[in-house]
């Protein structure tokens, strides 16, 4: 009966676990080779479990705080919660750390280069083209013209292309509307005229045939040519430029005259030294100035020792002629630049 009671007590009263013992027997167990005394066979009352919840160890989560945690402890060994430290965060792999450091270095480099690039762009934008190292020579063939400024209009007078100016009259001084010579060019004194006005006969010397000169002189008289302003120069590369501005009474007269002198396909009157000129289809369309009629010709091959380019411009009551020739080949870029700038002054 005593043994039965002892077995019953051990089965109904769980003994709290004390952790691993490293093989050392407990004091209440018999040592091997010894007998159990009567006192040892008496039932021993199990110590009562404390009803106070143990204080959770740092980093551990109480069982009651977990969702779905049981309210009763089914096993004596589970009655006393053991503190389980939270697993440390998994360290970043070596590859991830290298990628992160590389990304940070590239981000810093981009920010630095952006700041330096912005400062450099601002500095270059604020400099003259000839002040920038490597750009001292205009590599695309353009000429360095002075700053262009239109002359002031008389008080109360509209511009030539204004909606209220039905006749298209240029009220500004026509002599101040002629394109100035570019820098380093040599002026042509033969085109200065008297007080800036060029005689009609000097203009007519540009045309090759005597018959054409006579016919043009008659047309200019019939259409009421008022006066001619002109300017000429020779560039350092030998390009010879002449600009003529012919002013008539109305824009309607100029529109009718340009159709006779400058039809599409080829000029109505050939210039001296340019016996075979055809339409210049290579002139960029984006250089067209609004409300300014432009007809451009170039001398086709074979053109002999020099090539001639020419353009007729119609803006209001003014008909303009721009001529450039050069030994060998007349470069297109300075010609296009000259024609466009003269168109802007007339608009």
C-alpha atoms as a PDB file:
ATOM      1  CA  UNK A   1       0.000   0.000   0.000  1.00  0.00           C
ATOM      2  CA  UNK A   2       2.836   2.312   0.747  1.00  0.00           C
ATOM      3  CA  UNK A   3       4.381   1.750  -2.649  1.00  0.00           C
ATOM      4  CA  UNK A   4       1.037   2.326  -4.318  1.00  0.00           C
ATOM      5  CA  UNK A   5       0.555   5.570  -2.489  1.00  0.00           C
ATOM      6  CA  UNK A   6       4.016   6.653  -3.478  1.00  0.00           C
ATOM      7  CA  UNK A   7       3.363   5.908  -7.113  1.00  0.00           C
ATOM      8  CA  UNK A   8       0.017   7.651  -6.913  1.00  0.00           C
ATOM      9  CA  UNK A   9       1.532  10.767  -5.388  1.00  0.00           C
ATOM     10  CA  UNK A  10       4.233  10.950  -8.059  1.00  0.00           C
ATOM     11  CA  UNK A  11       1.765  10.604 -10.878  1.00  0.00           C
ATOM     12  CA  UNK A  12      -0.665  13.228  -9.594  1.00  0.00           C
ATOM     13  CA  UNK A  13       1.756  15.803  -8.226  1.00  0.00           C
ATOM     14  CA  UNK A  14       4.187  16.884 -10.923  1.00  0.00           C
ATOM     15  CA  UNK A  15       7.620  17.905  -9.846  1.00  0.00           C
ATOM     16  CA  UNK A  16       8.941  21.123 -11.415  1.00  0.00           C
ATOM     17  CA  UNK A  17      11.760  20.658 -13.837  1.00  0.00           C
ATOM     18  CA  UNK A  18      15.105  21.959 -12.661  1.00  0.00           C
ATOM     19  CA  UNK A  19      16.908  21.817 -15.945  1.00  0.00           C
ATOM     20  CA  UNK A  20      19.685  19.453 -16.938  1.00  0.00           C
ATOM     21  CA  UNK A  21      21.623  17.846 -14.100  1.00  0.00           C
ATOM     22  CA  UNK A  22      24.648  16.684 -16.080  1.00  0.00           C
ATOM     23  CA  UNK A  23      24.040  13.113 -14.793  1.00  0.00           C
ATOM     24  CA  UNK A  24      24.082  14.069 -11.053  1.00  0.00           C
ATOM     25  CA  UNK A  25      21.214  12.250  -9.244  1.00  0.00           C
ATOM     26  CA  UNK A  26      18.732  14.215  -7.171  1.00  0.00           C
ATOM     27  CA  UNK A  27      18.826  13.986  -3.367  1.00  0.00           C
ATOM     28  CA  UNK A  28      15.487  12.178  -3.241  1.00  0.00           C
ATOM     29  CA  UNK A  29      16.616   9.362  -5.571  1.00  0.00           C
ATOM     30  CA  UNK A  30      18.410   6.319  -4.191  1.00  0.00           C
ATOM     31  CA  UNK A  31      22.018   5.948  -5.123  1.00  0.00           C
ATOM     32  CA  UNK A  32      22.901   2.781  -6.908  1.00  0.00           C
ATOM     33  CA  UNK A  33      23.798  -0.039  -4.597  1.00  0.00           C
ATOM     34  CA  UNK A  34      21.885   1.375  -1.585  1.00  0.00           C
ATOM     35  CA  UNK A  35      18.541   0.357  -0.074  1.00  0.00           C
ATOM     36  CA  UNK A  36      15.583   2.586   0.339  1.00  0.00           C
ATOM     37  CA  UNK A  37      14.826   3.379   3.978  1.00  0.00           C
ATOM     38  CA  UNK A  38      11.366   3.500   5.432  1.00  0.00           C
ATOM     39  CA  UNK A  39      11.497   7.207   5.651  1.00  0.00           C
ATOM     40  CA  UNK A  40      12.318   7.382   1.980  1.00  0.00           C
ATOM     41  CA  UNK A  41       9.349   5.181   1.218  1.00  0.00           C
ATOM     42  CA  UNK A  42       6.976   7.544   3.004  1.00  0.00           C
ATOM     43  CA  UNK A  43       5.033   9.761   0.613  1.00  0.00           C
ATOM     44  CA  UNK A  44       6.606  13.114   0.193  1.00  0.00           C
ATOM     45  CA  UNK A  45       4.326  16.083  -0.458  1.00  0.00           C
ATOM     46  CA  UNK A  46       5.194  17.910  -3.699  1.00  0.00           C
ATOM     47  CA  UNK A  47       5.962  21.569  -3.296  1.00  0.00           C
ATOM     48  CA  UNK A  48       3.091  23.771  -4.326  1.00  0.00           C
ATOM     49  CA  UNK A  49       3.539  25.756  -7.510  1.00  0.00           C
ATOM     50  CA  UNK A  50       3.494  29.471  -7.098  1.00  0.00           C
ATOM     51  CA  UNK A  51       0.404  31.143  -8.498  1.00  0.00           C
ATOM     52  CA  UNK A  52       2.291  34.338  -9.310  1.00  0.00           C
ATOM     53  CA  UNK A  53       3.333  34.551 -12.932  1.00  0.00           C
ATOM     54  CA  UNK A  54       7.079  34.648 -13.372  1.00  0.00           C
ATOM     55  CA  UNK A  55       8.508  37.899 -14.635  1.00  0.00           C
ATOM     56  CA  UNK A  56       9.379  37.435 -18.301  1.00  0.00           C
ATOM     57  CA  UNK A  57      13.024  37.659 -19.179  1.00  0.00           C
ATOM     58  CA  UNK A  58      14.152  40.547 -21.326  1.00  0.00           C
ATOM     59  CA  UNK A  59      13.444  39.882 -24.956  1.00  0.00           C
ATOM     60  CA  UNK A  60      10.925  37.042 -24.248  1.00  0.00           C
ATOM     61  CA  UNK A  61       7.185  37.145 -24.942  1.00  0.00           C
ATOM     62  CA  UNK A  62       4.729  35.782 -22.290  1.00  0.00           C
ATOM     63  CA  UNK A  63       2.743  32.804 -23.426  1.00  0.00           C
ATOM     64  CA  UNK A  64      -0.541  34.564 -22.655  1.00  0.00           C
ATOM     65  CA  UNK A  65       0.386  37.390 -24.992  1.00  0.00           C
ATOM     66  CA  UNK A  66       0.640  35.094 -27.982  1.00  0.00           C
ATOM     67  CA  UNK A  67      -2.522  34.562 -30.024  1.00  0.00           C
ATOM     68  CA  UNK A  68      -4.054  31.149 -29.478  1.00  0.00           C
ATOM     69  CA  UNK A  69      -1.923  30.427 -26.380  1.00  0.00           C
ATOM     70  CA  UNK A  70      -3.494  27.745 -24.071  1.00  0.00           C
ATOM     71  CA  UNK A  71      -4.941  28.878 -20.739  1.00  0.00           C
ATOM     72  CA  UNK A  72      -3.947  25.697 -18.846  1.00  0.00           C
ATOM     73  CA  UNK A  73      -0.545  24.133 -18.573  1.00  0.00           C
ATOM     74  CA  UNK A  74      -0.898  20.479 -19.622  1.00  0.00           C
ATOM     75  CA  UNK A  75       2.529  19.440 -18.446  1.00  0.00           C
ATOM     76  CA  UNK A  76       4.457  20.209 -15.286  1.00  0.00           C
ATOM     77  CA  UNK A  77       7.575  20.965 -17.213  1.00  0.00           C
ATOM     78  CA  UNK A  78       5.682  23.601 -19.206  1.00  0.00           C
ATOM     79  CA  UNK A  79       4.316  25.301 -16.070  1.00  0.00           C
ATOM     80  CA  UNK A  80       7.490  27.291 -15.521  1.00  0.00           C
ATOM     81  CA  UNK A  81       8.267  29.240 -18.743  1.00  0.00           C
ATOM     82  CA  UNK A  82      11.880  29.364 -19.671  1.00  0.00           C
ATOM     83  CA  UNK A  83      13.307  32.612 -20.980  1.00  0.00           C
ATOM     84  CA  UNK A  84      14.154  32.155 -24.645  1.00  0.00           C
ATOM     85  CA  UNK A  85      16.233  35.009 -26.056  1.00  0.00           C
ATOM     86  CA  UNK A  86      15.007  36.466 -29.378  1.00  0.00           C
ATOM     87  CA  UNK A  87      17.114  35.288 -32.284  1.00  0.00           C
ATOM     88  CA  UNK A  88      19.489  37.997 -33.494  1.00  0.00           C
ATOM     89  CA  UNK A  89      18.682  39.567 -36.883  1.00  0.00           C
ATOM     90  CA  UNK A  90      20.236  37.777 -39.765  1.00  0.00           C
ATOM     91  CA  UNK A  91      23.372  39.625 -40.817  1.00  0.00           C
ATOM     92  CA  UNK A  92      23.436  41.161 -44.295  1.00  0.00           C
ATOM     93  CA  UNK A  93      25.310  39.133 -46.772  1.00  0.00           C
ATOM     94  CA  UNK A  94      28.708  40.398 -47.893  1.00  0.00           C
ATOM     95  CA  UNK A  95      27.383  40.956 -51.411  1.00  0.00           C
ATOM     96  CA  UNK A  96      24.468  43.095 -50.158  1.00  0.00           C
ATOM     97  CA  UNK A  97      26.803  45.277 -48.089  1.00  0.00           C
ATOM     98  CA  UNK A  98      29.097  45.775 -51.057  1.00  0.00           C
ATOM     99  CA  UNK A  99      26.177  46.764 -53.297  1.00  0.00           C
ATOM    100  CA  UNK A 100      24.890  49.201 -50.689  1.00  0.00           C
ATOM    101  CA  UNK A 101      28.292  50.870 -50.315  1.00  0.00           C
ATOM    102  CA  UNK A 102      28.709  51.063 -54.094  1.00  0.00           C
ATOM    103  CA  UNK A 103      25.257  52.612 -54.475  1.00  0.00           C
ATOM    104  CA  UNK A 104      26.030  55.254 -51.857  1.00  0.00           C
ATOM    105  CA  UNK A 105      29.331  56.093 -53.536  1.00  0.00           C
ATOM    106  CA  UNK A 106      27.684  56.476 -56.963  1.00  0.00           C
ATOM    107  CA  UNK A 107      24.878  58.610 -55.540  1.00  0.00           C
ATOM    108  CA  UNK A 108      27.399  60.966 -53.951  1.00  0.00           C
ATOM    109  CA  UNK A 109      29.389  61.115 -57.192  1.00  0.00           C
ATOM    110  CA  UNK A 110      26.279  61.981 -59.231  1.00  0.00           C
ATOM    111  CA  UNK A 111      25.365  64.798 -56.846  1.00  0.00           C
ATOM    112  CA  UNK A 112      28.896  66.223 -57.012  1.00  0.00           C
ATOM    113  CA  UNK A 113      29.084  66.015 -60.804  1.00  0.00           C
ATOM    114  CA  UNK A 114      25.626  67.604 -61.175  1.00  0.00           C
ATOM    115  CA  UNK A 115      26.654  70.549 -59.019  1.00  0.00           C
ATOM    116  CA  UNK A 116      29.939  71.000 -60.862  1.00  0.00           C
ATOM    117  CA  UNK A 117      28.246  70.622 -64.264  1.00  0.00           C
ATOM    118  CA  UNK A 118      25.595  73.222 -63.426  1.00  0.00           C
ATOM    119  CA  UNK A 119      28.267  75.700 -62.378  1.00  0.00           C
ATOM    120  CA  UNK A 120      30.285  75.025 -65.529  1.00  0.00           C
ATOM    121  CA  UNK A 121      27.235  75.423 -67.785  1.00  0.00           C
ATOM    122  CA  UNK A 122      26.374  78.718 -66.117  1.00  0.00           C
ATOM    123  CA  UNK A 123      29.941  79.937 -66.567  1.00  0.00           C
ATOM    124  CA  UNK A 124      30.043  79.021 -70.266  1.00  0.00           C
ATOM    125  CA  UNK A 125      26.614  80.524 -70.936  1.00  0.00           C
ATOM    126  CA  UNK A 126      27.833  83.773 -69.432  1.00  0.00           C
ATOM    127  CA  UNK A 127      30.974  83.892 -71.616  1.00  0.00           C
ATOM    128  CA  UNK A 128      31.526  85.012 -75.163  1.00  0.00           C
ATOM    129  CA  UNK A 129      32.129  82.231 -77.669  1.00  0.00           C
ATOM    130  CA  UNK A 130      35.719  83.388 -78.225  1.00  0.00           C
ATOM    131  CA  UNK A 131      36.367  83.322 -74.457  1.00  0.00           C
ATOM    132  CA  UNK A 132      35.725  79.582 -74.179  1.00  0.00           C
ATOM    133  CA  UNK A 133      38.890  77.487 -74.635  1.00  0.00           C
ATOM    134  CA  UNK A 134      38.745  75.554 -77.890  1.00  0.00           C
ATOM    135  CA  UNK A 135      36.041  77.787 -79.369  1.00  0.00           C
ATOM    136  CA  UNK A 136      38.195  80.755 -80.269  1.00  0.00           C
ATOM    137  CA  UNK A 137      37.678  80.014 -83.977  1.00  0.00           C
ATOM    138  CA  UNK A 138      34.134  79.707 -85.307  1.00  0.00           C
ATOM    139  CA  UNK A 139      34.357  76.188 -86.653  1.00  0.00           C
ATOM    140  CA  UNK A 140      31.020  76.116 -88.506  1.00  0.00           C
ATOM    141  CA  UNK A 141      31.932  78.997 -90.836  1.00  0.00           C
ATOM    142  CA  UNK A 142      29.674  81.662 -89.348  1.00  0.00           C
ATOM    143  CA  UNK A 143      30.856  85.239 -89.310  1.00  0.00           C
ATOM    144  CA  UNK A 144      31.025  87.439 -86.214  1.00  0.00           C
ATOM    145  CA  UNK A 145      28.546  90.245 -86.848  1.00  0.00           C
ATOM    146  CA  UNK A 146      28.161  93.200 -84.504  1.00  0.00           C
ATOM    147  CA  UNK A 147      25.031  93.459 -82.396  1.00  0.00           C
ATOM    148  CA  UNK A 148      22.107  94.245 -84.691  1.00  0.00           C
ATOM    149  CA  UNK A 149      19.705  96.995 -83.677  1.00  0.00           C
ATOM    150  CA  UNK A 150      16.772  98.234 -85.725  1.00  0.00           C
ATOM    151  CA  UNK A 151      16.533 102.014 -86.095  1.00  0.00           C
ATOM    152  CA  UNK A 152      13.696 103.678 -84.173  1.00  0.00           C
ATOM    153  CA  UNK A 153      10.413 104.354 -85.935  1.00  0.00           C
ATOM    154  CA  UNK A 154       9.046 107.886 -86.183  1.00  0.00           C
ATOM    155  CA  UNK A 155       6.531 108.616 -83.457  1.00  0.00           C
ATOM    156  CA  UNK A 156       3.136 107.141 -84.235  1.00  0.00           C
ATOM    157  CA  UNK A 157       4.361 105.133 -87.248  1.00  0.00           C
ATOM    158  CA  UNK A 158       3.846 101.322 -87.412  1.00  0.00           C
ATOM    159  CA  UNK A 159       6.351  98.724 -88.515  1.00  0.00           C
ATOM    160  CA  UNK A 160       6.401  97.563 -92.135  1.00  0.00           C
ATOM    161  CA  UNK A 161       4.636  94.272 -91.397  1.00  0.00           C
ATOM    162  CA  UNK A 162       2.146  95.636 -88.845  1.00  0.00           C
ATOM    163  CA  UNK A 163      -1.506  94.876 -89.479  1.00  0.00           C
ATOM    164  CA  UNK A 164      -2.390  98.543 -89.691  1.00  0.00           C
ATOM    165  CA  UNK A 165       0.334  99.283 -92.277  1.00  0.00           C
ATOM    166  CA  UNK A 166      -1.543  98.331 -95.447  1.00  0.00           C
ATOM    167  CA  UNK A 167       1.135  99.636 -97.824  1.00  0.00           C
ATOM    168  CA  UNK A 168       3.985  97.885 -95.970  1.00  0.00           C
ATOM    169  CA  UNK A 169       5.980 101.108 -95.767  1.00  0.00           C
ATOM    170  CA  UNK A 170       9.341 101.115 -93.983  1.00  0.00           C
ATOM    171  CA  UNK A 171       9.187 104.411 -92.093  1.00  0.00           C
ATOM    172  CA  UNK A 172      12.631 103.908 -90.567  1.00  0.00           C
ATOM    173  CA  UNK A 173      15.729 105.192 -92.354  1.00  0.00           C
ATOM    174  CA  UNK A 174      16.454 102.608 -95.070  1.00  0.00           C
ATOM    175  CA  UNK A 175      20.213 103.239 -94.839  1.00  0.00           C
ATOM    176  CA  UNK A 176      20.160 102.002 -91.271  1.00  0.00           C
ATOM    177  CA  UNK A 177      18.382  98.807 -92.286  1.00  0.00           C
ATOM    178  CA  UNK A 178      21.295  97.566 -94.397  1.00  0.00           C
ATOM    179  CA  UNK A 179      23.174  94.726 -92.717  1.00  0.00           C
ATOM    180  CA  UNK A 180      26.534  95.933 -91.326  1.00  0.00           C
ATOM    181  CA  UNK A 181      29.786  94.249 -92.316  1.00  0.00           C
ATOM    182  CA  UNK A 182      31.050  91.460 -90.025  1.00  0.00           C
ATOM    183  CA  UNK A 183      34.140  91.891 -87.898  1.00  0.00           C
ATOM    184  CA  UNK A 184      37.527  91.664 -89.653  1.00  0.00           C
ATOM    185  CA  UNK A 185      35.891  92.339 -93.055  1.00  0.00           C
ATOM    186  CA  UNK A 186      37.127  95.043 -95.438  1.00  0.00           C
ATOM    187  CA  UNK A 187      34.430  97.514 -96.533  1.00  0.00           C
ATOM    188  CA  UNK A 188      33.772  98.136-100.225  1.00  0.00           C
ATOM    189  CA  UNK A 189      33.890 101.924-100.748  1.00  0.00           C
ATOM    190  CA  UNK A 190      32.302 101.660-104.204  1.00  0.00           C
ATOM    191  CA  UNK A 191      28.903 100.879-102.644  1.00  0.00           C
ATOM    192  CA  UNK A 192      28.767 103.795-100.238  1.00  0.00           C
ATOM    193  CA  UNK A 193      27.152 106.054-102.813  1.00  0.00           C
ATOM    194  CA  UNK A 194      26.337 109.661-102.059  1.00  0.00           C
ATOM    195  CA  UNK A 195      25.017 110.219 -98.534  1.00  0.00           C
ATOM    196  CA  UNK A 196      24.401 106.495 -98.386  1.00  0.00           C
ATOM    197  CA  UNK A 197      22.174 106.410-101.499  1.00  0.00           C
ATOM    198  CA  UNK A 198      23.425 104.350-104.437  1.00  0.00           C
ATOM    199  CA  UNK A 199      22.644 105.332-108.073  1.00  0.00           C
ATOM    200  CA  UNK A 200      20.541 102.807-110.005  1.00  0.00           C
ATOM    201  CA  UNK A 201      23.236 102.371-112.651  1.00  0.00           C
ATOM    202  CA  UNK A 202      25.647 101.032-110.026  1.00  0.00           C
ATOM    203  CA  UNK A 203      23.190  98.340-109.095  1.00  0.00           C
ATOM    204  CA  UNK A 204      22.637  97.398-112.744  1.00  0.00           C
ATOM    205  CA  UNK A 205      26.319  96.522-113.163  1.00  0.00           C
ATOM    206  CA  UNK A 206      25.609  93.322-111.232  1.00  0.00           C
ATOM    207  CA  UNK A 207      23.730  91.904-114.255  1.00  0.00           C
ATOM    208  CA  UNK A 208      25.566  90.215-117.113  1.00  0.00           C
ATOM    209  CA  UNK A 209      23.601  91.158-120.227  1.00  0.00           C
ATOM    210  CA  UNK A 210      23.273  94.714-121.521  1.00  0.00           C
ATOM    211  CA  UNK A 211      19.733  93.964-122.630  1.00  0.00           C
ATOM    212  CA  UNK A 212      18.850  92.843-119.100  1.00  0.00           C
ATOM    213  CA  UNK A 213      20.294  95.989-117.589  1.00  0.00           C
ATOM    214  CA  UNK A 214      18.236  98.189-119.897  1.00  0.00           C
ATOM    215  CA  UNK A 215      15.050  96.229-119.271  1.00  0.00           C
ATOM    216  CA  UNK A 216      15.513  96.350-115.519  1.00  0.00           C
ATOM    217  CA  UNK A 217      16.156 100.080-115.586  1.00  0.00           C
ATOM    218  CA  UNK A 218      12.829 100.516-117.378  1.00  0.00           C
ATOM    219  CA  UNK A 219      10.990  98.320-114.912  1.00  0.00           C
ATOM    220  CA  UNK A 220      12.403 100.173-111.920  1.00  0.00           C
ATOM    221  CA  UNK A 221      11.218 103.439-113.360  1.00  0.00           C
ATOM    222  CA  UNK A 222       7.750 102.111-114.125  1.00  0.00           C
ATOM    223  CA  UNK A 223       7.336 100.628-110.666  1.00  0.00           C
ATOM    224  CA  UNK A 224       8.388 103.824-108.927  1.00  0.00           C
ATOM    225  CA  UNK A 225      11.795 103.038-107.460  1.00  0.00           C
ATOM    226  CA  UNK A 226      12.451 105.678-104.833  1.00  0.00           C
ATOM    227  CA  UNK A 227      16.066 105.003-103.777  1.00  0.00           C
ATOM    228  CA  UNK A 228      18.684 102.315-103.133  1.00  0.00           C
ATOM    229  CA  UNK A 229      20.776 101.751-100.003  1.00  0.00           C
ATOM    230  CA  UNK A 230      23.742  99.383-100.283  1.00  0.00           C
ATOM    231  CA  UNK A 231      26.796  98.015 -98.524  1.00  0.00           C
ATOM    232  CA  UNK A 232      29.610  95.654 -99.515  1.00  0.00           C
ATOM    233  CA  UNK A 233      32.659  93.995 -97.923  1.00  0.00           C
ATOM    234  CA  UNK A 234      35.289  91.297 -98.408  1.00  0.00           C
ATOM    235  CA  UNK A 235      35.843  88.675 -95.700  1.00  0.00           C
ATOM    236  CA  UNK A 236      39.323  87.371 -94.733  1.00  0.00           C
ATOM    237  CA  UNK A 237      38.640  84.148 -96.698  1.00  0.00           C
ATOM    238  CA  UNK A 238      38.068  86.173 -99.876  1.00  0.00           C
ATOM    239  CA  UNK A 239      34.245  86.019 -99.935  1.00  0.00           C
ATOM    240  CA  UNK A 240      32.868  89.202-101.542  1.00  0.00           C
ATOM    241  CA  UNK A 241      29.399  90.278-100.317  1.00  0.00           C
ATOM    242  CA  UNK A 242      27.030  92.944-101.692  1.00  0.00           C
ATOM    243  CA  UNK A 243      23.689  93.913-100.186  1.00  0.00           C
ATOM    244  CA  UNK A 244      21.170  96.176-101.987  1.00  0.00           C
ATOM    245  CA  UNK A 245      17.877  97.500-100.589  1.00  0.00           C
ATOM    246  CA  UNK A 246      15.450  98.927-103.192  1.00  0.00           C
ATOM    247  CA  UNK A 247      12.475 100.856-101.817  1.00  0.00           C
ATOM    248  CA  UNK A 248       9.252 101.323-103.785  1.00  0.00           C
ATOM    249  CA  UNK A 249       5.915 102.981-103.034  1.00  0.00           C
ATOM    250  CA  UNK A 250       3.934  99.974-101.819  1.00  0.00           C
ATOM    251  CA  UNK A 251       4.262  96.317-100.904  1.00  0.00           C
ATOM    252  CA  UNK A 252       1.912  95.381-103.768  1.00  0.00           C
ATOM    253  CA  UNK A 253       4.441  96.752-106.265  1.00  0.00           C
ATOM    254  CA  UNK A 254       7.250  94.725-104.729  1.00  0.00           C
ATOM    255  CA  UNK A 255       5.206  91.523-104.763  1.00  0.00           C
ATOM    256  CA  UNK A 256       4.507  91.932-108.469  1.00  0.00           C
ATOM    257  CA  UNK A 257       8.106  92.834-109.278  1.00  0.00           C
ATOM    258  CA  UNK A 258       9.684  89.929-107.377  1.00  0.00           C
ATOM    259  CA  UNK A 259       7.556  87.515-109.386  1.00  0.00           C
ATOM    260  CA  UNK A 260       9.158  88.837-112.580  1.00  0.00           C
ATOM    261  CA  UNK A 261      12.757  89.130-111.377  1.00  0.00           C
ATOM    262  CA  UNK A 262      12.960  86.060-109.138  1.00  0.00           C
ATOM    263  CA  UNK A 263      10.751  83.199-110.359  1.00  0.00           C
ATOM    264  CA  UNK A 264      11.171  79.723-108.906  1.00  0.00           C
ATOM    265  CA  UNK A 265      13.732  77.497-110.634  1.00  0.00           C
ATOM    266  CA  UNK A 266      16.131  80.200-111.772  1.00  0.00           C
ATOM    267  CA  UNK A 267      16.540  83.998-111.759  1.00  0.00           C
ATOM    268  CA  UNK A 268      14.798  86.050-114.444  1.00  0.00           C
ATOM    269  CA  UNK A 269      18.010  88.027-114.958  1.00  0.00           C
ATOM    270  CA  UNK A 270      21.406  86.328-114.634  1.00  0.00           C
ATOM    271  CA  UNK A 271      24.131  88.030-112.639  1.00  0.00           C
ATOM    272  CA  UNK A 272      27.565  88.762-113.960  1.00  0.00           C
ATOM    273  CA  UNK A 273      29.806  85.706-113.626  1.00  0.00           C
ATOM    274  CA  UNK A 274      26.849  83.411-112.776  1.00  0.00           C
ATOM    275  CA  UNK A 275      25.522  82.365-116.139  1.00  0.00           C
ATOM    276  CA  UNK A 276      23.865  79.177-114.864  1.00  0.00           C
ATOM    277  CA  UNK A 277      22.146  79.735-111.512  1.00  0.00           C
ATOM    278  CA  UNK A 278      19.430  77.438-110.220  1.00  0.00           C
ATOM    279  CA  UNK A 279      17.174  77.288-107.167  1.00  0.00           C
ATOM    280  CA  UNK A 280      19.078  76.568-103.944  1.00  0.00           C
ATOM    281  CA  UNK A 281      17.080  73.765-102.335  1.00  0.00           C
ATOM    282  CA  UNK A 282      19.700  73.296 -99.613  1.00  0.00           C
ATOM    283  CA  UNK A 283      18.790  76.513 -97.825  1.00  0.00           C
ATOM    284  CA  UNK A 284      17.349  75.504 -94.404  1.00  0.00           C
ATOM    285  CA  UNK A 285      13.620  76.056 -94.120  1.00  0.00           C
ATOM    286  CA  UNK A 286      13.891  76.866 -90.386  1.00  0.00           C
ATOM    287  CA  UNK A 287      15.796  80.036 -91.310  1.00  0.00           C
ATOM    288  CA  UNK A 288      12.704  81.460 -92.977  1.00  0.00           C
ATOM    289  CA  UNK A 289      11.551  84.749 -91.411  1.00  0.00           C
ATOM    290  CA  UNK A 290       7.787  85.134 -91.136  1.00  0.00           C
ATOM    291  CA  UNK A 291       6.154  87.482 -93.699  1.00  0.00           C
ATOM    292  CA  UNK A 292       9.433  87.901 -95.612  1.00  0.00           C
ATOM    293  CA  UNK A 293       9.470  86.354 -99.098  1.00  0.00           C
ATOM    294  CA  UNK A 294      12.791  84.658 -99.865  1.00  0.00           C
ATOM    295  CA  UNK A 295      13.982  83.277-103.212  1.00  0.00           C
ATOM    296  CA  UNK A 296      17.493  81.768-103.192  1.00  0.00           C
ATOM    297  CA  UNK A 297      19.753  80.681-106.064  1.00  0.00           C
ATOM    298  CA  UNK A 298      23.184  79.087-106.383  1.00  0.00           C
ATOM    299  CA  UNK A 299      25.484  78.693-109.346  1.00  0.00           C
ATOM    300  CA  UNK A 300      25.575  75.092-110.502  1.00  0.00           C
ATOM    301  CA  UNK A 301      28.665  73.179-111.563  1.00  0.00           C
ATOM    302  CA  UNK A 302      30.796  73.704-113.515  1.00  0.00           C
ATOM    303  CA  UNK A 303      31.030  77.305-112.368  1.00  0.00           C
ATOM    304  CA  UNK A 304      34.575  78.184-113.391  1.00  0.00           C
ATOM    305  CA  UNK A 305      37.070  79.897-111.097  1.00  0.00           C
ATOM    306  CA  UNK A 306      34.492  81.178-108.589  1.00  0.00           C
ATOM    307  CA  UNK A 307      30.966  80.407-107.450  1.00  0.00           C
ATOM    308  CA  UNK A 308      28.133  82.905-106.913  1.00  0.00           C
ATOM    309  CA  UNK A 309      25.162  82.696-104.536  1.00  0.00           C
ATOM    310  CA  UNK A 310      22.272  85.156-104.590  1.00  0.00           C
ATOM    311  CA  UNK A 311      18.952  85.793-102.825  1.00  0.00           C
ATOM    312  CA  UNK A 312      15.987  88.106-103.381  1.00  0.00           C
ATOM    313  CA  UNK A 313      13.979  89.222-100.335  1.00  0.00           C
ATOM    314  CA  UNK A 314      10.603  90.960-100.368  1.00  0.00           C
ATOM    315  CA  UNK A 315       9.464  92.651 -97.140  1.00  0.00           C
ATOM    316  CA  UNK A 316       6.807  95.348 -97.352  1.00  0.00           C
ATOM    317  CA  UNK A 317       7.837  98.064 -99.793  1.00  0.00           C
ATOM    318  CA  UNK A 318      11.490  96.901 -99.966  1.00  0.00           C
ATOM    319  CA  UNK A 319      13.063  94.489-102.441  1.00  0.00           C
ATOM    320  CA  UNK A 320      16.514  93.292-101.343  1.00  0.00           C
ATOM    321  CA  UNK A 321      19.295  91.566-103.292  1.00  0.00           C
ATOM    322  CA  UNK A 322      22.119  89.723-101.473  1.00  0.00           C
ATOM    323  CA  UNK A 323      25.070  88.479-103.555  1.00  0.00           C
ATOM    324  CA  UNK A 324      28.118  86.479-102.447  1.00  0.00           C
ATOM    325  CA  UNK A 325      30.911  85.070-104.603  1.00  0.00           C
ATOM    326  CA  UNK A 326      34.207  83.435-103.773  1.00  0.00           C
ATOM    327  CA  UNK A 327      37.084  81.913-105.675  1.00  0.00           C
ATOM    328  CA  UNK A 328      36.644  78.185-105.709  1.00  0.00           C
ATOM    329  CA  UNK A 329      33.436  77.547-103.708  1.00  0.00           C
ATOM    330  CA  UNK A 330      31.147  80.060-102.013  1.00  0.00           C
ATOM    331  CA  UNK A 331      30.476  78.561 -98.587  1.00  0.00           C
ATOM    332  CA  UNK A 332      26.763  78.091 -97.801  1.00  0.00           C
ATOM    333  CA  UNK A 333      26.881  78.869 -94.053  1.00  0.00           C
ATOM    334  CA  UNK A 334      27.976  82.543 -94.185  1.00  0.00           C
ATOM    335  CA  UNK A 335      25.597  83.107 -97.083  1.00  0.00           C
ATOM    336  CA  UNK A 336      22.642  81.661 -95.175  1.00  0.00           C
ATOM    337  CA  UNK A 337      23.636  83.666 -92.109  1.00  0.00           C
ATOM    338  CA  UNK A 338      23.832  86.925 -94.084  1.00  0.00           C
ATOM    339  CA  UNK A 339      20.473  86.369 -95.797  1.00  0.00           C
ATOM    340  CA  UNK A 340      18.731  85.497 -92.536  1.00  0.00           C
ATOM    341  CA  UNK A 341      20.107  88.489 -90.621  1.00  0.00           C
ATOM    342  CA  UNK A 342      19.133  90.887 -93.419  1.00  0.00           C
ATOM    343  CA  UNK A 343      15.629  89.385 -93.415  1.00  0.00           C
ATOM    344  CA  UNK A 344      15.343  90.027 -89.678  1.00  0.00           C
ATOM    345  CA  UNK A 345      16.264  93.687 -90.108  1.00  0.00           C
ATOM    346  CA  UNK A 346      13.570  94.130 -92.755  1.00  0.00           C
ATOM    347  CA  UNK A 347      10.802  92.341 -90.833  1.00  0.00           C
END
